[in-house]
């Protein structure tokens, strides 16, 4: 499974490792992803999502139902 947040759509970014001698080699910056289960009372079921830490903060603020609705509209969530 890809390292992509299902709510925000965050993906790995590409950058450089820079040594003390200023040599540059390619590297990746991965998003801070976590698997988390949520209960959705409207649908009466449990859902497992792969989320970034930023998305978890958004869910705590707005609520799971509102966040899932926005993610479906944006197209990052395929459920």
N, C-alpha and C. Protein backbone atom coordinates (compact mmCIF):
# COMPACT_ATOMS: atom_id res chain seq x y z
N UNK A 1 0.83 -1.17 0.00
CA UNK A 1 0.00 0.00 0.00
C UNK A 1 0.88 1.25 0.00
N UNK A 2 0.49 2.25 -0.75
CA UNK A 2 1.30 3.45 -0.89
C UNK A 2 1.34 4.25 0.41
N UNK A 3 2.40 5.02 0.57
CA UNK A 3 2.54 5.86 1.76
C UNK A 3 1.87 7.20 1.50
N UNK A 4 0.53 7.18 1.49
CA UNK A 4 -0.26 8.37 1.20
C UNK A 4 -1.34 8.49 2.27
N UNK A 5 -1.53 9.69 2.78
CA UNK A 5 -2.59 9.96 3.74
C UNK A 5 -3.93 9.95 3.01
N UNK A 6 -4.91 9.21 3.54
CA UNK A 6 -6.20 9.08 2.88
C UNK A 6 -7.09 10.30 3.06
N UNK A 7 -6.75 11.19 3.98
CA UNK A 7 -7.56 12.39 4.21
C UNK A 7 -6.94 13.61 3.55
N UNK A 8 -5.67 13.86 3.83
CA UNK A 8 -5.03 15.07 3.30
C UNK A 8 -4.38 14.85 1.95
N UNK A 9 -4.07 13.60 1.59
CA UNK A 9 -3.41 13.33 0.32
C UNK A 9 -1.90 13.54 0.36
N UNK A 10 -1.33 13.69 1.55
CA UNK A 10 0.11 13.90 1.66
C UNK A 10 0.85 12.67 1.15
N UNK A 11 1.93 12.91 0.37
CA UNK A 11 2.74 11.86 -0.23
C UNK A 11 4.21 12.09 0.13
N UNK A 12 5.07 11.08 -0.13
CA UNK A 12 6.50 11.31 0.08
C UNK A 12 7.03 12.42 -0.82
N UNK A 13 7.92 13.23 -0.27
CA UNK A 13 8.55 14.31 -1.03
C UNK A 13 9.99 13.93 -1.32
N UNK A 14 10.58 14.51 -2.36
CA UNK A 14 11.95 14.20 -2.74
C UNK A 14 12.83 15.40 -2.43
N UNK A 15 14.01 15.11 -1.90
CA UNK A 15 14.95 16.18 -1.58
C UNK A 15 16.37 15.64 -1.62
N UNK A 16 17.28 16.34 -0.99
CA UNK A 16 18.69 15.97 -1.00
C UNK A 16 19.21 15.76 0.41
N UNK A 17 20.08 14.74 0.58
CA UNK A 17 20.95 14.67 1.74
C UNK A 17 22.14 15.56 1.42
N UNK A 18 22.50 16.45 2.31
CA UNK A 18 23.63 17.33 2.06
C UNK A 18 24.68 17.03 3.12
N UNK A 19 25.87 16.60 2.66
CA UNK A 19 26.94 16.25 3.58
C UNK A 19 27.69 17.50 4.02
N UNK A 20 28.62 17.30 4.95
CA UNK A 20 29.44 18.42 5.43
C UNK A 20 30.26 19.01 4.29
N UNK A 21 30.64 18.16 3.32
CA UNK A 21 31.41 18.61 2.16
C UNK A 21 30.49 19.15 1.06
N UNK A 22 29.20 19.31 1.36
CA UNK A 22 28.19 19.84 0.43
C UNK A 22 27.92 18.91 -0.75
N UNK A 23 28.17 17.59 -0.56
CA UNK A 23 27.78 16.62 -1.57
C UNK A 23 26.30 16.37 -1.43
N UNK A 24 25.60 16.23 -2.55
CA UNK A 24 24.15 16.05 -2.51
C UNK A 24 23.77 14.70 -3.11
N UNK A 25 22.98 13.93 -2.35
CA UNK A 25 22.44 12.66 -2.84
C UNK A 25 20.94 12.69 -2.58
N UNK A 26 20.20 12.01 -3.46
CA UNK A 26 18.74 12.02 -3.36
C UNK A 26 18.26 11.26 -2.14
N UNK A 27 17.15 11.71 -1.57
CA UNK A 27 16.50 11.03 -0.45
C UNK A 27 15.01 11.35 -0.50
N UNK A 28 14.24 10.66 0.34
CA UNK A 28 12.80 10.91 0.43
C UNK A 28 12.44 11.36 1.82
N UNK A 29 11.45 12.26 1.89
CA UNK A 29 10.86 12.69 3.15
C UNK A 29 9.47 12.06 3.21
N UNK A 30 9.24 11.14 4.14
CA UNK A 30 7.97 10.44 4.24
C UNK A 30 7.03 11.15 5.20
N UNK A 31 5.73 11.15 4.89
CA UNK A 31 4.77 11.75 5.83
C UNK A 31 4.65 10.90 7.09
N UNK A 32 4.23 11.51 8.17
CA UNK A 32 4.10 10.86 9.48
C UNK A 32 2.75 10.13 9.51
N UNK A 33 2.72 8.89 8.99
CA UNK A 33 1.46 8.15 8.84
C UNK A 33 1.22 7.18 9.98
N UNK A 34 -0.07 7.00 10.31
CA UNK A 34 -0.52 6.06 11.33
C UNK A 34 -1.79 5.39 10.86
N UNK A 35 -1.95 4.10 11.19
CA UNK A 35 -3.23 3.42 10.94
C UNK A 35 -4.11 3.61 12.16
N UNK A 36 -5.36 4.01 11.92
CA UNK A 36 -6.27 4.31 13.03
C UNK A 36 -7.67 3.86 12.66
N UNK A 37 -8.38 3.27 13.64
CA UNK A 37 -9.77 2.84 13.44
C UNK A 37 -10.70 3.88 14.02
N UNK A 38 -11.76 4.17 13.28
CA UNK A 38 -12.78 5.12 13.74
C UNK A 38 -14.14 4.48 13.61
N UNK A 39 -15.02 4.80 14.55
CA UNK A 39 -16.42 4.37 14.46
C UNK A 39 -17.24 5.51 13.88
N UNK A 40 -18.00 5.20 12.83
CA UNK A 40 -18.84 6.20 12.19
C UNK A 40 -20.28 5.90 12.57
N UNK A 41 -20.89 6.72 13.45
CA UNK A 41 -22.23 6.41 13.94
C UNK A 41 -23.31 6.48 12.86
N UNK A 42 -23.15 7.36 11.86
CA UNK A 42 -24.17 7.48 10.81
C UNK A 42 -24.28 6.20 9.99
N UNK A 43 -23.12 5.57 9.72
CA UNK A 43 -23.09 4.34 8.93
C UNK A 43 -23.08 3.09 9.80
N UNK A 44 -22.95 3.28 11.12
CA UNK A 44 -22.88 2.19 12.10
C UNK A 44 -21.83 1.15 11.73
N UNK A 45 -20.60 1.61 11.45
CA UNK A 45 -19.51 0.68 11.15
C UNK A 45 -18.17 1.29 11.52
N UNK A 46 -17.17 0.42 11.63
CA UNK A 46 -15.80 0.82 11.91
C UNK A 46 -15.06 0.97 10.59
N UNK A 47 -14.16 1.96 10.52
CA UNK A 47 -13.36 2.21 9.33
C UNK A 47 -11.91 2.36 9.75
N UNK A 48 -11.00 1.70 9.04
CA UNK A 48 -9.57 1.84 9.29
C UNK A 48 -8.99 2.77 8.23
N UNK A 49 -8.30 3.80 8.68
CA UNK A 49 -7.72 4.79 7.77
C UNK A 49 -6.23 4.90 8.02
N UNK A 50 -5.47 5.21 6.97
CA UNK A 50 -4.05 5.52 7.08
C UNK A 50 -3.93 7.04 7.02
N UNK A 51 -3.58 7.65 8.16
CA UNK A 51 -3.65 9.10 8.32
C UNK A 51 -2.31 9.70 8.72
N UNK A 52 -2.09 10.93 8.31
CA UNK A 52 -0.95 11.69 8.81
C UNK A 52 -1.32 12.26 10.17
N UNK A 53 -0.32 12.68 10.92
CA UNK A 53 -0.56 13.28 12.24
C UNK A 53 -1.39 14.55 12.09
N UNK A 54 -1.18 15.28 11.00
CA UNK A 54 -1.95 16.49 10.73
C UNK A 54 -3.43 16.16 10.53
N UNK A 55 -3.72 15.06 9.86
CA UNK A 55 -5.11 14.65 9.63
C UNK A 55 -5.78 14.24 10.95
N UNK A 56 -5.04 13.61 11.86
CA UNK A 56 -5.58 13.24 13.16
C UNK A 56 -6.00 14.49 13.94
N UNK A 57 -5.18 15.54 13.86
CA UNK A 57 -5.52 16.80 14.53
C UNK A 57 -6.78 17.41 13.92
N UNK A 58 -6.91 17.29 12.61
CA UNK A 58 -8.09 17.82 11.92
C UNK A 58 -9.34 17.06 12.34
N UNK A 59 -9.24 15.74 12.48
CA UNK A 59 -10.38 14.92 12.91
C UNK A 59 -10.78 15.28 14.34
N UNK A 60 -9.80 15.51 15.21
CA UNK A 60 -10.11 15.91 16.58
C UNK A 60 -10.84 17.25 16.61
N UNK A 61 -10.53 18.13 15.68
CA UNK A 61 -11.13 19.45 15.66
C UNK A 61 -12.52 19.45 15.03
N UNK A 62 -12.66 18.83 13.82
CA UNK A 62 -13.91 18.89 13.05
C UNK A 62 -14.85 17.72 13.30
N UNK A 63 -14.30 16.55 13.60
CA UNK A 63 -15.09 15.34 13.74
C UNK A 63 -14.90 14.44 12.53
N UNK A 64 -15.05 13.14 12.74
CA UNK A 64 -14.76 12.17 11.68
C UNK A 64 -15.73 12.28 10.51
N UNK A 65 -16.99 12.54 10.77
CA UNK A 65 -17.99 12.59 9.69
C UNK A 65 -17.71 13.74 8.73
N UNK A 66 -17.41 14.91 9.26
CA UNK A 66 -17.14 16.07 8.41
C UNK A 66 -15.86 15.89 7.61
N UNK A 67 -14.85 15.30 8.22
CA UNK A 67 -13.57 15.09 7.54
C UNK A 67 -13.72 14.08 6.42
N UNK A 68 -14.45 12.97 6.66
CA UNK A 68 -14.66 11.97 5.62
C UNK A 68 -15.46 12.54 4.46
N UNK A 69 -16.44 13.39 4.76
CA UNK A 69 -17.23 14.02 3.71
C UNK A 69 -16.35 14.90 2.82
N UNK A 70 -15.47 15.69 3.45
CA UNK A 70 -14.56 16.55 2.68
C UNK A 70 -13.56 15.73 1.87
N UNK A 71 -13.06 14.63 2.45
CA UNK A 71 -12.08 13.79 1.74
C UNK A 71 -12.72 13.10 0.54
N UNK A 72 -13.97 12.66 0.66
CA UNK A 72 -14.66 12.05 -0.48
C UNK A 72 -14.87 13.08 -1.59
N UNK A 73 -15.22 14.30 -1.19
CA UNK A 73 -15.44 15.37 -2.17
C UNK A 73 -14.14 15.72 -2.89
N UNK A 74 -13.03 15.74 -2.12
CA UNK A 74 -11.73 16.08 -2.68
C UNK A 74 -11.17 14.95 -3.54
N UNK A 75 -11.58 13.70 -3.26
CA UNK A 75 -11.15 12.56 -4.05
C UNK A 75 -9.97 11.81 -3.47
N UNK A 76 -9.53 12.14 -2.27
CA UNK A 76 -8.40 11.42 -1.66
C UNK A 76 -8.84 10.13 -1.00
N UNK A 77 -10.11 10.01 -0.67
CA UNK A 77 -10.63 8.83 0.00
C UNK A 77 -11.47 8.04 -0.98
N UNK A 78 -11.15 6.75 -1.12
CA UNK A 78 -11.91 5.90 -2.06
C UNK A 78 -12.67 4.85 -1.28
N UNK A 79 -13.83 5.24 -0.73
CA UNK A 79 -14.67 4.31 0.03
C UNK A 79 -16.10 4.46 -0.38
